[in-house]
């Protein structure tokens, strides 16, 4: 399993909402997408570069997850939505540790 799968595992999409929560979620979702594209573009790059990008992607996904938690009602997210995001991030953390030793 390559780190590109890590990108797929943590790619999260924000649910439409209102006000600042919506703006924050949309902005952070774009950051996750950009980090995902960066990692996917590094399929043949040295593992150190892939690990650095993977760590950045996980960090951006965690920030998005925090926004989702803080804005759960406004974003109309269920507890199950949040739990699934937590599980994806946990899986990404585990894969990162296995591949990159972190």
N, C-alpha and C. Protein backbone atom coordinates (compact mmCIF):
# COMPACT_ATOMS: atom_id res chain seq x y z
N UNK A 1 0.85 -1.17 0.00
CA UNK A 1 0.00 0.00 0.00
C UNK A 1 0.90 1.23 0.00
N UNK A 2 0.71 2.10 -0.95
CA UNK A 2 1.54 3.29 -1.06
C UNK A 2 0.95 4.43 -0.25
N UNK A 3 1.76 5.44 -0.04
CA UNK A 3 1.27 6.60 0.69
C UNK A 3 0.16 7.32 -0.07
N UNK A 4 0.05 7.09 -1.36
CA UNK A 4 -1.06 7.69 -2.10
C UNK A 4 -2.40 7.20 -1.55
N UNK A 5 -2.42 5.98 -1.06
CA UNK A 5 -3.65 5.48 -0.43
C UNK A 5 -3.94 6.25 0.85
N UNK A 6 -2.89 6.72 1.48
CA UNK A 6 -3.05 7.56 2.65
C UNK A 6 -3.85 8.80 2.28
N UNK A 7 -3.55 9.35 1.12
CA UNK A 7 -4.28 10.53 0.66
C UNK A 7 -5.76 10.23 0.51
N UNK A 8 -6.07 9.09 -0.05
CA UNK A 8 -7.47 8.72 -0.23
C UNK A 8 -8.14 8.48 1.11
N UNK A 9 -7.40 7.96 2.06
CA UNK A 9 -7.98 7.63 3.35
C UNK A 9 -8.38 8.87 4.14
N UNK A 10 -7.65 9.96 3.99
CA UNK A 10 -7.94 11.14 4.80
C UNK A 10 -8.61 12.26 4.04
N UNK A 11 -8.84 12.05 2.77
CA UNK A 11 -9.52 13.10 2.01
C UNK A 11 -10.93 13.25 2.56
N UNK A 12 -11.21 14.37 3.11
CA UNK A 12 -12.49 14.64 3.73
C UNK A 12 -13.19 15.78 3.00
N UNK A 13 -14.49 15.70 2.91
CA UNK A 13 -15.25 16.74 2.24
C UNK A 13 -16.16 17.41 3.25
N UNK A 14 -16.09 18.71 3.32
CA UNK A 14 -16.93 19.46 4.25
C UNK A 14 -18.36 19.50 3.74
N UNK A 15 -19.27 19.42 4.67
CA UNK A 15 -20.69 19.51 4.36
C UNK A 15 -21.08 20.98 4.29
N UNK A 16 -21.92 21.37 3.33
CA UNK A 16 -22.33 22.77 3.25
C UNK A 16 -22.98 23.25 4.54
N UNK A 17 -22.75 24.51 4.86
CA UNK A 17 -23.33 25.06 6.08
C UNK A 17 -23.48 26.57 5.94
N UNK A 18 -23.40 27.27 7.04
CA UNK A 18 -23.65 28.70 7.04
C UNK A 18 -22.54 29.44 7.77
N UNK A 19 -22.41 30.74 7.47
CA UNK A 19 -21.55 31.69 8.18
C UNK A 19 -20.09 31.28 8.21
N UNK A 20 -19.43 31.61 9.31
CA UNK A 20 -17.99 31.37 9.42
C UNK A 20 -17.63 29.90 9.37
N UNK A 21 -18.47 29.06 9.91
CA UNK A 21 -18.19 27.62 9.88
C UNK A 21 -18.09 27.15 8.43
N UNK A 22 -18.97 27.62 7.62
CA UNK A 22 -18.94 27.22 6.21
C UNK A 22 -17.66 27.69 5.55
N UNK A 23 -17.31 28.94 5.76
CA UNK A 23 -16.09 29.49 5.16
C UNK A 23 -14.86 28.75 5.64
N UNK A 24 -14.80 28.52 6.94
CA UNK A 24 -13.65 27.81 7.51
C UNK A 24 -13.56 26.39 6.95
N UNK A 25 -14.68 25.70 6.91
CA UNK A 25 -14.69 24.33 6.41
C UNK A 25 -14.31 24.28 4.93
N UNK A 26 -14.82 25.21 4.15
CA UNK A 26 -14.48 25.23 2.73
C UNK A 26 -13.00 25.52 2.50
N UNK A 27 -12.48 26.47 3.22
CA UNK A 27 -11.06 26.81 3.09
C UNK A 27 -10.18 25.63 3.50
N UNK A 28 -10.52 25.00 4.62
CA UNK A 28 -9.73 23.88 5.09
C UNK A 28 -9.88 22.66 4.18
N UNK A 29 -11.06 22.46 3.62
CA UNK A 29 -11.26 21.37 2.67
C UNK A 29 -10.36 21.57 1.46
N UNK A 30 -10.24 22.80 1.01
CA UNK A 30 -9.35 23.08 -0.13
C UNK A 30 -7.90 22.77 0.23
N UNK A 31 -7.51 23.08 1.46
CA UNK A 31 -6.15 22.76 1.90
C UNK A 31 -5.92 21.25 1.91
N UNK A 32 -6.93 20.49 2.35
CA UNK A 32 -6.83 19.02 2.34
C UNK A 32 -6.71 18.52 0.91
N UNK A 33 -7.51 19.07 0.02
CA UNK A 33 -7.44 18.65 -1.39
C UNK A 33 -6.07 18.94 -1.99
N UNK A 34 -5.54 20.12 -1.70
CA UNK A 34 -4.22 20.50 -2.21
C UNK A 34 -3.15 19.56 -1.67
N UNK A 35 -3.20 19.27 -0.37
CA UNK A 35 -2.24 18.35 0.23
C UNK A 35 -2.38 16.94 -0.36
N UNK A 36 -3.61 16.54 -0.64
CA UNK A 36 -3.86 15.23 -1.26
C UNK A 36 -3.25 15.18 -2.65
N UNK A 37 -3.45 16.21 -3.43
CA UNK A 37 -2.90 16.26 -4.78
C UNK A 37 -1.38 16.26 -4.75
N UNK A 38 -0.81 16.98 -3.79
CA UNK A 38 0.65 17.00 -3.65
C UNK A 38 1.17 15.60 -3.39
N UNK A 39 0.55 14.91 -2.45
CA UNK A 39 1.00 13.56 -2.11
C UNK A 39 0.81 12.61 -3.28
N UNK A 40 -0.32 12.70 -3.95
CA UNK A 40 -0.56 11.82 -5.09
C UNK A 40 0.44 12.07 -6.21
N UNK A 41 0.89 13.30 -6.35
CA UNK A 41 1.87 13.63 -7.37
C UNK A 41 3.27 13.16 -7.04
N UNK A 42 3.45 12.65 -5.84
CA UNK A 42 4.77 12.21 -5.41
C UNK A 42 4.91 10.69 -5.39
N UNK A 43 4.13 10.01 -6.18
CA UNK A 43 4.14 8.55 -6.18
C UNK A 43 5.54 7.98 -6.42
N UNK A 44 6.34 8.65 -7.22
CA UNK A 44 7.69 8.18 -7.54
C UNK A 44 8.79 8.98 -6.85
N UNK A 45 8.38 9.84 -5.94
CA UNK A 45 9.35 10.67 -5.21
C UNK A 45 10.02 9.83 -4.11
N UNK A 46 11.15 10.30 -3.60
CA UNK A 46 11.78 9.61 -2.48
C UNK A 46 10.82 9.50 -1.29
N UNK A 47 10.96 8.44 -0.54
CA UNK A 47 10.06 8.19 0.59
C UNK A 47 10.08 9.34 1.59
N UNK A 48 11.22 9.98 1.79
CA UNK A 48 11.27 11.12 2.72
C UNK A 48 10.33 12.23 2.29
N UNK A 49 10.27 12.49 0.98
CA UNK A 49 9.35 13.52 0.47
C UNK A 49 7.90 13.09 0.65
N UNK A 50 7.63 11.81 0.37
CA UNK A 50 6.28 11.30 0.55
C UNK A 50 5.85 11.38 2.02
N UNK A 51 6.77 11.05 2.91
CA UNK A 51 6.46 11.11 4.34
C UNK A 51 6.17 12.54 4.79
N UNK A 52 6.98 13.46 4.32
CA UNK A 52 6.78 14.88 4.68
C UNK A 52 5.41 15.35 4.19
N UNK A 53 5.07 15.00 2.95
CA UNK A 53 3.76 15.40 2.40
C UNK A 53 2.62 14.68 3.11
N UNK A 54 2.83 13.41 3.43
CA UNK A 54 1.81 12.65 4.15
C UNK A 54 1.53 13.24 5.52
N UNK A 55 2.58 13.65 6.20
CA UNK A 55 2.42 14.28 7.51
C UNK A 55 1.66 15.60 7.38
N UNK A 56 1.97 16.36 6.34
CA UNK A 56 1.25 17.61 6.10
C UNK A 56 -0.22 17.37 5.82
N UNK A 57 -0.51 16.34 5.04
CA UNK A 57 -1.90 16.00 4.73
C UNK A 57 -2.66 15.61 6.00
N UNK A 58 -2.04 14.80 6.82
CA UNK A 58 -2.69 14.38 8.07
C UNK A 58 -2.97 15.61 8.95
N UNK A 59 -2.02 16.52 9.02
CA UNK A 59 -2.21 17.73 9.83
C UNK A 59 -3.39 18.56 9.31
N UNK A 60 -3.47 18.71 7.99
CA UNK A 60 -4.59 19.48 7.41
C UNK A 60 -5.92 18.77 7.65
N UNK A 61 -5.93 17.45 7.55
CA UNK A 61 -7.16 16.68 7.79
C UNK A 61 -7.59 16.81 9.25
N UNK A 62 -6.62 16.81 10.16
CA UNK A 62 -6.95 16.98 11.58
C UNK A 62 -7.53 18.37 11.84
N UNK A 63 -6.99 19.38 11.17
CA UNK A 63 -7.55 20.74 11.33
C UNK A 63 -8.99 20.78 10.82
N UNK A 64 -9.23 20.12 9.70
CA UNK A 64 -10.60 20.07 9.16
C UNK A 64 -11.51 19.34 10.14
N UNK A 65 -11.03 18.26 10.71
CA UNK A 65 -11.83 17.51 11.67
C UNK A 65 -12.17 18.36 12.89
N UNK A 66 -11.23 19.19 13.32
CA UNK A 66 -11.49 20.09 14.44
C UNK A 66 -12.58 21.10 14.08
N UNK A 67 -12.51 21.63 12.88
CA UNK A 67 -13.57 22.55 12.42
C UNK A 67 -14.91 21.83 12.42
N UNK A 68 -14.92 20.60 11.91
CA UNK A 68 -16.17 19.82 11.89
C UNK A 68 -16.72 19.64 13.30
N UNK A 69 -15.86 19.33 14.25
CA UNK A 69 -16.31 19.13 15.63
C UNK A 69 -16.84 20.43 16.24
N UNK A 70 -16.12 21.52 16.02
CA UNK A 70 -16.52 22.81 16.60
C UNK A 70 -17.78 23.36 15.95
N UNK A 71 -18.05 22.94 14.73
CA UNK A 71 -19.19 23.48 13.97
C UNK A 71 -20.19 22.38 13.60
N UNK A 72 -20.24 21.33 14.40
CA UNK A 72 -21.06 20.18 14.05
C UNK A 72 -22.50 20.55 13.73
N UNK A 73 -23.12 21.36 14.57
CA UNK A 73 -24.52 21.72 14.35
C UNK A 73 -24.69 22.55 13.09
N UNK A 74 -23.83 23.57 12.95
CA UNK A 74 -23.93 24.45 11.79
C UNK A 74 -23.67 23.71 10.48
N UNK A 75 -22.77 22.72 10.53
CA UNK A 75 -22.44 21.95 9.33
C UNK A 75 -23.37 20.76 9.13
N UNK A 76 -24.28 20.59 10.08
CA UNK A 76 -25.26 19.51 10.03
C UNK A 76 -24.59 18.14 9.91
N UNK A 77 -23.57 17.95 10.73
CA UNK A 77 -22.85 16.68 10.76
C UNK A 77 -23.39 15.82 11.89
N UNK A 78 -23.44 14.53 11.65
CA UNK A 78 -23.88 13.60 12.68
C UNK A 78 -22.68 13.11 13.48
N UNK A 79 -22.97 12.51 14.60
CA UNK A 79 -21.91 11.88 15.37
C UNK A 79 -21.20 10.81 14.56
N UNK A 80 -21.95 10.12 13.72
CA UNK A 80 -21.37 9.09 12.87
C UNK A 80 -20.41 9.70 11.85
N UNK A 81 -20.76 10.86 11.30
CA UNK A 81 -19.85 11.56 10.37
C UNK A 81 -18.51 11.85 11.05
N UNK A 82 -18.59 12.35 12.27
CA UNK A 82 -17.37 12.69 13.01
C UNK A 82 -16.58 11.44 13.36
N UNK A 83 -17.28 10.38 13.74
CA UNK A 83 -16.61 9.13 14.08
C UNK A 83 -15.89 8.55 12.86
N UNK A 84 -16.53 8.60 11.70
CA UNK A 84 -15.89 8.10 10.49
C UNK A 84 -14.64 8.90 10.14
N UNK A 85 -14.71 10.21 10.31
CA UNK A 85 -13.54 11.05 10.06
C UNK A 85 -12.43 10.70 11.04
N UNK A 86 -12.78 10.50 12.30
CA UNK A 86 -11.79 10.10 13.30
C UNK A 86 -11.11 8.79 12.91
N UNK A 87 -11.90 7.84 12.43
CA UNK A 87 -11.37 6.54 12.03
C UNK A 87 -10.44 6.66 10.83
N UNK A 88 -10.80 7.51 9.86
CA UNK A 88 -9.93 7.70 8.69
C UNK A 88 -8.60 8.33 9.11
N UNK A 89 -8.67 9.30 10.00
CA UNK A 89 -7.45 9.95 10.46
C UNK A 89 -6.60 8.98 11.27
N UNK A 90 -7.23 8.19 12.12
CA UNK A 90 -6.48 7.20 12.89
C UNK A 90 -5.79 6.20 11.96
N UNK A 91 -6.50 5.75 10.91
CA UNK A 91 -5.90 4.82 9.95
C UNK A 91 -4.72 5.48 9.23
N UNK A 92 -4.88 6.74 8.89
CA UNK A 92 -3.79 7.46 8.22
C UNK A 92 -2.59 7.61 9.15
N UNK A 93 -2.84 7.92 10.42
CA UNK A 93 -1.75 8.01 11.40
C UNK A 93 -1.01 6.69 11.51
N UNK A 94 -1.76 5.60 11.54
CA UNK A 94 -1.14 4.28 11.66
C UNK A 94 -0.33 3.93 10.42
N UNK A 95 -0.87 4.24 9.25
CA UNK A 95 -0.13 3.96 8.03
C UNK A 95 1.13 4.82 7.96
N UNK A 96 1.01 6.07 8.35
CA UNK A 96 2.18 6.95 8.36
C UNK A 96 3.26 6.36 9.28
N UNK A 97 2.86 5.94 10.47
CA UNK A 97 3.82 5.38 11.43
C UNK A 97 4.47 4.13 10.86
N UNK A 98 3.69 3.29 10.19
CA UNK A 98 4.24 2.06 9.63
C UNK A 98 5.20 2.34 8.48
N UNK A 99 4.88 3.32 7.66
CA UNK A 99 5.69 3.62 6.47
C UNK A 99 6.85 4.57 6.77
N UNK A 100 6.62 5.49 7.68
CA UNK A 100 7.59 6.56 7.87
C UNK A 100 8.25 6.55 9.25
N UNK A 101 7.77 5.68 10.11
CA UNK A 101 8.37 5.58 11.43
C UNK A 101 8.03 6.72 12.35
N UNK A 102 6.87 7.33 12.12
CA UNK A 102 6.57 8.50 12.92
C UNK A 102 5.48 8.30 13.85
